[in-house]
Amino acid sequence: CRDKQAQAKSLKQKDKKLKEALLQVEDERKQAEQYKDQAEKGLVKQKQLKRQLEEAEEETQRLNASRRKVQRELDEATESNDVLTRELSGLKSKLRRGNEPASFVPPRRSAGNRRAIESVADGAEEDAEIRDADYNGTKGSE
């Protein structure tokens, strides 16, 4: 009888330890599942941030290319402005010295500015022809 009681007591203790171990295993499984979920969320977030970084880098490259283009255009406009300023200064100097015929040298880079200068040059030639002609259209020097 005593032996059976001791075995029953031992069985209850072992059963209790088994239940505690099973509860601990279940808790650890739940914790492992939570860690796995957190890791998956972290990977999703990492991929999202990586994609955002790539998009930001592409946008930066696009903006840098645009900035370089605008800088080139500014440099060309500045160069054209310098040429036109020198040309204007020369023309003013010629006007101060007298009504000598002006020769125009259009800038090399910008076709739009070249056309504008050529039209001004054509106008100057026409003005010279009108100035040299009398009211009949005949030359005053003839």
N, C-alpha and C. Protein backbone atom coordinates (compact mmCIF):
# COMPACT_ATOMS: atom_id res chain seq x y z
N CYS A 1 0.83 -1.19 0.00
CA CYS A 1 0.00 0.00 0.00
C CYS A 1 0.86 1.24 0.00
N ARG A 2 1.86 1.19 0.88
CA ARG A 2 2.75 2.34 0.91
C ARG A 2 3.47 2.53 -0.39
N ASP A 3 3.84 1.46 -0.96
CA ASP A 3 4.56 1.50 -2.22
C ASP A 3 3.68 2.10 -3.31
N LYS A 4 2.42 1.74 -3.31
CA LYS A 4 1.48 2.30 -4.29
C LYS A 4 1.28 3.78 -4.03
N GLN A 5 1.21 4.17 -2.77
CA GLN A 5 1.04 5.59 -2.43
C GLN A 5 2.27 6.38 -2.89
N ALA A 6 3.44 5.82 -2.69
CA ALA A 6 4.67 6.49 -3.10
C ALA A 6 4.73 6.61 -4.62
N GLN A 7 4.30 5.57 -5.30
CA GLN A 7 4.28 5.60 -6.77
C GLN A 7 3.25 6.61 -7.27
N ALA A 8 2.10 6.66 -6.61
CA ALA A 8 1.05 7.61 -7.00
C ALA A 8 1.54 9.03 -6.78
N LYS A 9 2.21 9.25 -5.63
CA LYS A 9 2.74 10.58 -5.34
C LYS A 9 3.81 10.96 -6.37
N SER A 10 4.68 10.03 -6.66
CA SER A 10 5.73 10.26 -7.64
C SER A 10 5.12 10.53 -9.01
N LEU A 11 4.08 9.79 -9.35
CA LEU A 11 3.40 9.98 -10.63
C LEU A 11 2.77 11.36 -10.71
N LYS A 12 2.14 11.80 -9.61
CA LYS A 12 1.53 13.14 -9.58
C LYS A 12 2.60 14.22 -9.76
N GLN A 13 3.75 14.04 -9.08
CA GLN A 13 4.83 15.03 -9.19
C GLN A 13 5.36 15.09 -10.63
N LYS A 14 5.56 13.92 -11.21
CA LYS A 14 6.05 13.86 -12.58
C LYS A 14 5.02 14.42 -13.55
N ASP A 15 3.75 14.15 -13.29
CA ASP A 15 2.67 14.69 -14.13
C ASP A 15 2.65 16.21 -14.04
N LYS A 16 2.85 16.72 -12.81
CA LYS A 16 2.88 18.17 -12.60
C LYS A 16 4.07 18.78 -13.34
N LYS A 17 5.25 18.15 -13.24
CA LYS A 17 6.43 18.64 -13.94
C LYS A 17 6.22 18.61 -15.45
N LEU A 18 5.57 17.55 -15.94
CA LEU A 18 5.29 17.43 -17.38
C LEU A 18 4.38 18.56 -17.83
N LYS A 19 3.31 18.85 -17.04
CA LYS A 19 2.40 19.95 -17.39
C LYS A 19 3.14 21.28 -17.40
N GLU A 20 4.01 21.49 -16.39
CA GLU A 20 4.79 22.73 -16.34
C GLU A 20 5.72 22.83 -17.56
N ALA A 21 6.35 21.72 -17.92
CA ALA A 21 7.24 21.71 -19.08
C ALA A 21 6.45 21.99 -20.36
N LEU A 22 5.26 21.39 -20.47
CA LEU A 22 4.41 21.63 -21.65
C LEU A 22 3.98 23.09 -21.73
N LEU A 23 3.64 23.68 -20.57
CA LEU A 23 3.27 25.10 -20.55
C LEU A 23 4.47 25.97 -20.96
N GLN A 24 5.64 25.61 -20.47
CA GLN A 24 6.84 26.37 -20.82
C GLN A 24 7.14 26.24 -22.32
N VAL A 25 7.01 25.04 -22.85
CA VAL A 25 7.22 24.82 -24.29
C VAL A 25 6.21 25.63 -25.10
N GLU A 26 4.96 25.65 -24.66
CA GLU A 26 3.92 26.42 -25.36
C GLU A 26 4.23 27.91 -25.31
N ASP A 27 4.66 28.40 -24.14
CA ASP A 27 5.04 29.82 -24.03
C ASP A 27 6.21 30.15 -24.96
N GLU A 28 7.20 29.26 -24.99
CA GLU A 28 8.36 29.48 -25.85
C GLU A 28 7.96 29.43 -27.33
N ARG A 29 7.02 28.54 -27.66
CA ARG A 29 6.54 28.46 -29.05
C ARG A 29 5.85 29.76 -29.44
N LYS A 30 4.99 30.27 -28.52
CA LYS A 30 4.30 31.53 -28.78
C LYS A 30 5.31 32.67 -28.94
N GLN A 31 6.31 32.67 -28.06
CA GLN A 31 7.33 33.72 -28.13
C GLN A 31 8.11 33.60 -29.44
N ALA A 32 8.45 32.38 -29.84
CA ALA A 32 9.16 32.17 -31.11
C ALA A 32 8.30 32.65 -32.28
N GLU A 33 7.00 32.40 -32.22
CA GLU A 33 6.07 32.85 -33.27
C GLU A 33 6.05 34.38 -33.33
N GLN A 34 6.04 35.01 -32.15
CA GLN A 34 6.07 36.48 -32.12
C GLN A 34 7.37 37.02 -32.72
N TYR A 35 8.49 36.38 -32.37
CA TYR A 35 9.78 36.80 -32.92
C TYR A 35 9.78 36.64 -34.44
N LYS A 36 9.20 35.54 -34.90
CA LYS A 36 9.14 35.29 -36.35
C LYS A 36 8.30 36.37 -37.03
N ASP A 37 7.14 36.70 -36.44
CA ASP A 37 6.29 37.76 -37.00
C ASP A 37 7.03 39.09 -37.02
N GLN A 38 7.72 39.40 -35.93
CA GLN A 38 8.48 40.65 -35.88
C GLN A 38 9.58 40.67 -36.94
N ALA A 39 10.24 39.53 -37.12
CA ALA A 39 11.30 39.45 -38.12
C ALA A 39 10.72 39.65 -39.53
N GLU A 40 9.57 39.04 -39.80
CA GLU A 40 8.92 39.21 -41.11
C GLU A 40 8.52 40.66 -41.33
N LYS A 41 7.94 41.28 -40.29
CA LYS A 41 7.57 42.69 -40.39
C LYS A 41 8.82 43.55 -40.62
N GLY A 42 9.90 43.19 -39.94
CA GLY A 42 11.16 43.92 -40.13
C GLY A 42 11.67 43.80 -41.55
N LEU A 43 11.57 42.59 -42.14
CA LEU A 43 12.00 42.40 -43.52
C LEU A 43 11.13 43.18 -44.50
N VAL A 44 9.81 43.18 -44.25
CA VAL A 44 8.90 43.96 -45.10
C VAL A 44 9.26 45.44 -45.01
N LYS A 45 9.49 45.91 -43.80
CA LYS A 45 9.86 47.32 -43.59
C LYS A 45 11.19 47.63 -44.26
N GLN A 46 12.14 46.70 -44.14
CA GLN A 46 13.45 46.88 -44.76
C GLN A 46 13.30 46.99 -46.29
N LYS A 47 12.50 46.10 -46.89
CA LYS A 47 12.28 46.15 -48.34
C LYS A 47 11.62 47.47 -48.74
N GLN A 48 10.66 47.90 -47.94
CA GLN A 48 9.96 49.16 -48.22
C GLN A 48 10.94 50.34 -48.15
N LEU A 49 11.77 50.36 -47.12
CA LEU A 49 12.75 51.44 -46.98
C LEU A 49 13.78 51.40 -48.10
N LYS A 50 14.18 50.19 -48.50
CA LYS A 50 15.14 50.05 -49.59
C LYS A 50 14.53 50.58 -50.89
N ARG A 51 13.26 50.26 -51.13
CA ARG A 51 12.57 50.75 -52.33
C ARG A 51 12.47 52.28 -52.29
N GLN A 52 12.14 52.82 -51.11
CA GLN A 52 12.06 54.28 -50.97
C GLN A 52 13.43 54.93 -51.20
N LEU A 53 14.48 54.29 -50.70
CA LEU A 53 15.83 54.80 -50.91
C LEU A 53 16.18 54.81 -52.40
N GLU A 54 15.86 53.71 -53.09
CA GLU A 54 16.13 53.65 -54.53
C GLU A 54 15.37 54.73 -55.28
N GLU A 55 14.10 54.93 -54.90
CA GLU A 55 13.30 55.98 -55.54
C GLU A 55 13.90 57.36 -55.25
N ALA A 56 14.35 57.56 -54.03
CA ALA A 56 14.96 58.85 -53.67
C ALA A 56 16.26 59.07 -54.44
N GLU A 57 17.04 58.00 -54.61
CA GLU A 57 18.28 58.11 -55.38
C GLU A 57 17.99 58.42 -56.84
N GLU A 58 16.96 57.77 -57.41
CA GLU A 58 16.57 58.06 -58.79
C GLU A 58 16.12 59.51 -58.92
N GLU A 59 15.34 59.98 -57.97
CA GLU A 59 14.88 61.37 -57.99
C GLU A 59 16.07 62.32 -57.87
N THR A 60 17.03 61.97 -57.02
CA THR A 60 18.23 62.79 -56.87
C THR A 60 19.00 62.85 -58.19
N GLN A 61 19.14 61.70 -58.85
CA GLN A 61 19.83 61.67 -60.14
C GLN A 61 19.09 62.51 -61.17
N ARG A 62 17.75 62.42 -61.18
CA ARG A 62 16.96 63.20 -62.13
C ARG A 62 17.13 64.69 -61.85
N LEU A 63 17.08 65.06 -60.58
CA LEU A 63 17.24 66.48 -60.22
C LEU A 63 18.64 66.98 -60.54
N ASN A 64 19.65 66.14 -60.31
CA ASN A 64 21.02 66.54 -60.64
C ASN A 64 21.18 66.73 -62.14
N ALA A 65 20.59 65.84 -62.93
CA ALA A 65 20.66 65.99 -64.39
C ALA A 65 19.96 67.28 -64.81
N SER A 66 18.82 67.54 -64.22
CA SER A 66 18.09 68.77 -64.53
C SER A 66 18.90 69.99 -64.12
N ARG A 67 19.52 69.93 -62.95
CA ARG A 67 20.35 71.04 -62.48
C ARG A 67 21.52 71.28 -63.43
N ARG A 68 22.16 70.19 -63.88
CA ARG A 68 23.29 70.34 -64.81
C ARG A 68 22.82 70.97 -66.12
N LYS A 69 21.64 70.55 -66.60
CA LYS A 69 21.10 71.11 -67.84
C LYS A 69 20.83 72.61 -67.67
N VAL A 70 20.20 72.97 -66.57
CA VAL A 70 19.91 74.39 -66.32
C VAL A 70 21.21 75.17 -66.18
N GLN A 71 22.22 74.57 -65.53
CA GLN A 71 23.51 75.24 -65.39
C GLN A 71 24.16 75.46 -66.75
N ARG A 72 24.09 74.45 -67.64
CA ARG A 72 24.64 74.61 -68.99
C ARG A 72 23.92 75.74 -69.73
N GLU A 73 22.57 75.74 -69.61
CA GLU A 73 21.80 76.79 -70.27
C GLU A 73 22.16 78.16 -69.71
N LEU A 74 22.35 78.24 -68.39
CA LEU A 74 22.75 79.51 -67.77
C LEU A 74 24.12 79.93 -68.27
N ASP A 75 25.06 78.98 -68.34
CA ASP A 75 26.40 79.30 -68.83
C ASP A 75 26.34 79.81 -70.26
N GLU A 76 25.54 79.14 -71.11
CA GLU A 76 25.40 79.57 -72.50
C GLU A 76 24.76 80.95 -72.58
N ALA A 77 23.74 81.18 -71.78
CA ALA A 77 23.08 82.49 -71.79
C ALA A 77 24.04 83.57 -71.29
N THR A 78 24.83 83.25 -70.27
CA THR A 78 25.80 84.21 -69.75
C THR A 78 26.85 84.52 -70.82
N GLU A 79 27.32 83.48 -71.49
CA GLU A 79 28.31 83.68 -72.56
C GLU A 79 27.71 84.52 -73.68
N SER A 80 26.50 84.20 -74.08
CA SER A 80 25.81 84.96 -75.12
C SER A 80 25.62 86.41 -74.68
N ASN A 81 25.24 86.60 -73.43
CA ASN A 81 25.07 87.95 -72.89
C ASN A 81 26.39 88.72 -72.93
N ASP A 82 27.48 88.05 -72.57
CA ASP A 82 28.79 88.70 -72.61
C ASP A 82 29.15 89.13 -74.03
N VAL A 83 28.90 88.23 -75.00
CA VAL A 83 29.18 88.56 -76.41
C VAL A 83 28.34 89.75 -76.84
N LEU A 84 27.06 89.72 -76.52
CA LEU A 84 26.18 90.82 -76.91
C LEU A 84 26.57 92.12 -76.22
N THR A 85 26.99 92.04 -74.97
CA THR A 85 27.42 93.23 -74.25
C THR A 85 28.66 93.83 -74.90
N ARG A 86 29.63 92.98 -75.26
CA ARG A 86 30.82 93.48 -75.95
C ARG A 86 30.45 94.09 -77.30
N GLU A 87 29.55 93.42 -78.03
CA GLU A 87 29.10 93.92 -79.33
C GLU A 87 28.42 95.28 -79.16
N LEU A 88 27.55 95.40 -78.17
CA LEU A 88 26.86 96.66 -77.92
C LEU A 88 27.84 97.75 -77.55
N SER A 89 28.81 97.41 -76.73
CA SER A 89 29.83 98.39 -76.34
C SER A 89 30.60 98.87 -77.56
N GLY A 90 30.95 97.94 -78.44
CA GLY A 90 31.65 98.32 -79.67
C GLY A 90 30.79 99.21 -80.55
N LEU A 91 29.51 98.89 -80.68
CA LEU A 91 28.61 99.70 -81.50
C LEU A 91 28.44 101.09 -80.91
N LYS A 92 28.32 101.18 -79.61
CA LYS A 92 28.20 102.50 -78.97
C LYS A 92 29.46 103.32 -79.22
N SER A 93 30.60 102.66 -79.14
CA SER A 93 31.87 103.33 -79.38
C SER A 93 31.93 103.86 -80.81
N LYS A 94 31.49 103.05 -81.77
CA LYS A 94 31.47 103.48 -83.18
C LYS A 94 30.51 104.64 -83.37
N LEU A 95 29.37 104.59 -82.70
CA LEU A 95 28.41 105.68 -82.82
C LEU A 95 28.99 106.98 -82.28
N ARG A 96 29.75 106.89 -81.20
CA ARG A 96 30.35 108.10 -80.63
C ARG A 96 31.40 108.69 -81.58
N ARG A 97 32.10 107.82 -82.32
CA ARG A 97 33.12 108.28 -83.25
C ARG A 97 32.53 108.81 -84.54
N GLY A 98 31.34 108.40 -84.86
CA GLY A 98 30.71 108.83 -86.10
C GLY A 98 29.87 107.72 -86.66
N ASN A 99 29.20 108.01 -87.74
CA ASN A 99 28.28 107.03 -88.33
C ASN A 99 29.02 106.11 -89.29
N GLU A 100 29.96 105.35 -88.77
CA GLU A 100 30.65 104.36 -89.59
C GLU A 100 29.76 103.13 -89.71
N PRO A 101 29.81 102.44 -90.87
CA PRO A 101 28.99 101.22 -90.99
C PRO A 101 29.42 100.19 -89.95
N ALA A 102 28.45 99.57 -89.34
CA ALA A 102 28.73 98.58 -88.30
C ALA A 102 28.84 97.20 -88.90
N SER A 103 29.78 96.42 -88.43
CA SER A 103 29.86 95.02 -88.84
C SER A 103 29.48 94.17 -87.63
N PHE A 104 28.66 93.20 -87.87
CA PHE A 104 28.16 92.36 -86.78
C PHE A 104 28.80 90.99 -86.85
N VAL A 105 29.19 90.49 -85.72
CA VAL A 105 29.70 89.13 -85.60
C VAL A 105 28.76 88.40 -84.66
N PRO A 106 27.89 87.55 -85.21
CA PRO A 106 26.92 86.86 -84.35
C PRO A 106 27.62 85.86 -83.44
N PRO A 107 27.07 85.61 -82.27
CA PRO A 107 27.64 84.59 -81.38
C PRO A 107 27.54 83.22 -82.01
N ARG A 108 28.44 82.33 -81.64
CA ARG A 108 28.50 81.02 -82.27
C ARG A 108 27.54 80.00 -81.69
N ARG A 109 27.15 80.13 -80.46
CA ARG A 109 26.41 79.06 -79.78
C ARG A 109 24.92 79.07 -80.02
N SER A 110 24.29 80.20 -79.98
CA SER A 110 22.83 80.24 -79.94
C SER A 110 22.26 80.72 -81.25
N ALA A 111 21.52 79.86 -81.94
CA ALA A 111 20.92 80.23 -83.22
C ALA A 111 19.88 81.32 -83.04
N GLY A 112 19.14 81.30 -81.95
CA GLY A 112 18.12 82.32 -81.71
C GLY A 112 18.74 83.70 -81.59
N ASN A 113 19.85 83.81 -80.89
CA ASN A 113 20.52 85.10 -80.75
C ASN A 113 21.13 85.53 -82.08
N ARG A 114 21.64 84.58 -82.86
CA ARG A 114 22.25 84.90 -84.14
C ARG A 114 21.20 85.52 -85.06
N ARG A 115 20.00 84.94 -85.08
CA ARG A 115 18.93 85.50 -85.92
C ARG A 115 18.56 86.90 -85.47
N ALA A 116 18.52 87.10 -84.17
CA ALA A 116 18.17 88.43 -83.66
C ALA A 116 19.23 89.44 -84.06
N ILE A 117 20.49 89.07 -83.98
CA ILE A 117 21.57 89.99 -84.34
C ILE A 117 21.55 90.24 -85.84
N GLU A 118 21.31 89.18 -86.64
CA GLU A 118 21.26 89.36 -88.08
C GLU A 118 20.12 90.29 -88.47
N SER A 119 18.98 90.18 -87.81
CA SER A 119 17.87 91.08 -88.14
C SER A 119 18.20 92.50 -87.75
N VAL A 120 18.93 92.69 -86.65
CA VAL A 120 19.37 94.03 -86.27
C VAL A 120 20.36 94.55 -87.31
N ALA A 121 21.26 93.67 -87.76
CA ALA A 121 22.24 94.07 -88.77
C ALA A 121 21.53 94.45 -90.06
N ASP A 122 20.54 93.66 -90.49
CA ASP A 122 19.78 93.99 -91.70
C ASP A 122 19.10 95.33 -91.54
N GLY A 123 18.56 95.58 -90.38
CA GLY A 123 17.90 96.86 -90.11
C GLY A 123 18.89 98.00 -90.18
N ALA A 124 20.12 97.79 -89.69
CA ALA A 124 21.14 98.84 -89.73
C ALA A 124 21.53 99.13 -91.17
N GLU A 125 21.64 98.08 -92.00
CA GLU A 125 21.96 98.29 -93.42
C GLU A 125 20.85 99.06 -94.11
N GLU A 126 19.60 98.71 -93.81
CA GLU A 126 18.47 99.43 -94.41
C GLU A 126 18.47 100.88 -93.96
N ASP A 127 18.77 101.13 -92.68
CA ASP A 127 18.84 102.51 -92.18
C ASP A 127 19.92 103.28 -92.92
N ALA A 128 21.07 102.63 -93.16
CA ALA A 128 22.15 103.30 -93.88
C ALA A 128 21.73 103.63 -95.31
N GLU A 129 21.02 102.69 -95.97
CA GLU A 129 20.55 102.95 -97.33
C GLU A 129 19.55 104.09 -97.36
N ILE A 130 18.65 104.13 -96.41
CA ILE A 130 17.67 105.21 -96.34
C ILE A 130 18.36 106.54 -96.08
N ARG A 131 19.34 106.55 -95.20
CA ARG A 131 20.06 107.76 -94.86
C ARG A 131 20.83 108.30 -96.07
N ASP A 132 21.37 107.37 -96.89
CA ASP A 132 22.17 107.79 -98.04
C ASP A 132 21.30 108.16 -99.24
N ALA A 133 20.02 107.83 -99.26
CA ALA A 133 19.14 108.12 -100.40
C ALA A 133 18.38 109.40 -100.15
N ASP A 134 18.02 110.12 -101.25
CA ASP A 134 17.18 111.29 -101.06
C ASP A 134 15.73 110.89 -101.19
N TYR A 135 14.82 111.84 -101.24
CA TYR A 135 13.40 111.51 -101.22
C TYR A 135 12.93 110.85 -102.50
N ASN A 136 13.66 110.94 -103.64
CA ASN A 136 13.29 110.27 -104.89
C ASN A 136 13.73 108.81 -104.89
N GLY A 137 14.58 108.45 -103.97
CA GLY A 137 15.11 107.09 -103.98
C GLY A 137 16.43 107.03 -104.70
N THR A 138 16.93 108.19 -105.16
CA THR A 138 18.24 108.22 -105.80
C THR A 138 19.28 108.52 -104.75
N LYS A 139 20.48 108.13 -105.00
CA LYS A 139 21.56 108.37 -104.05
C LYS A 139 21.88 109.85 -104.02
N GLY A 140 22.10 110.35 -102.83
CA GLY A 140 22.41 111.76 -102.66
C GLY A 140 23.79 112.09 -103.20
N SER A 141 24.67 111.14 -103.25
CA SER A 141 26.03 111.40 -103.70
C SER A 141 26.13 111.37 -105.21
N GLU A 142 25.09 110.95 -105.94
CA GLU A 142 25.14 110.85 -107.40
C GLU A 142 24.85 112.15 -108.06
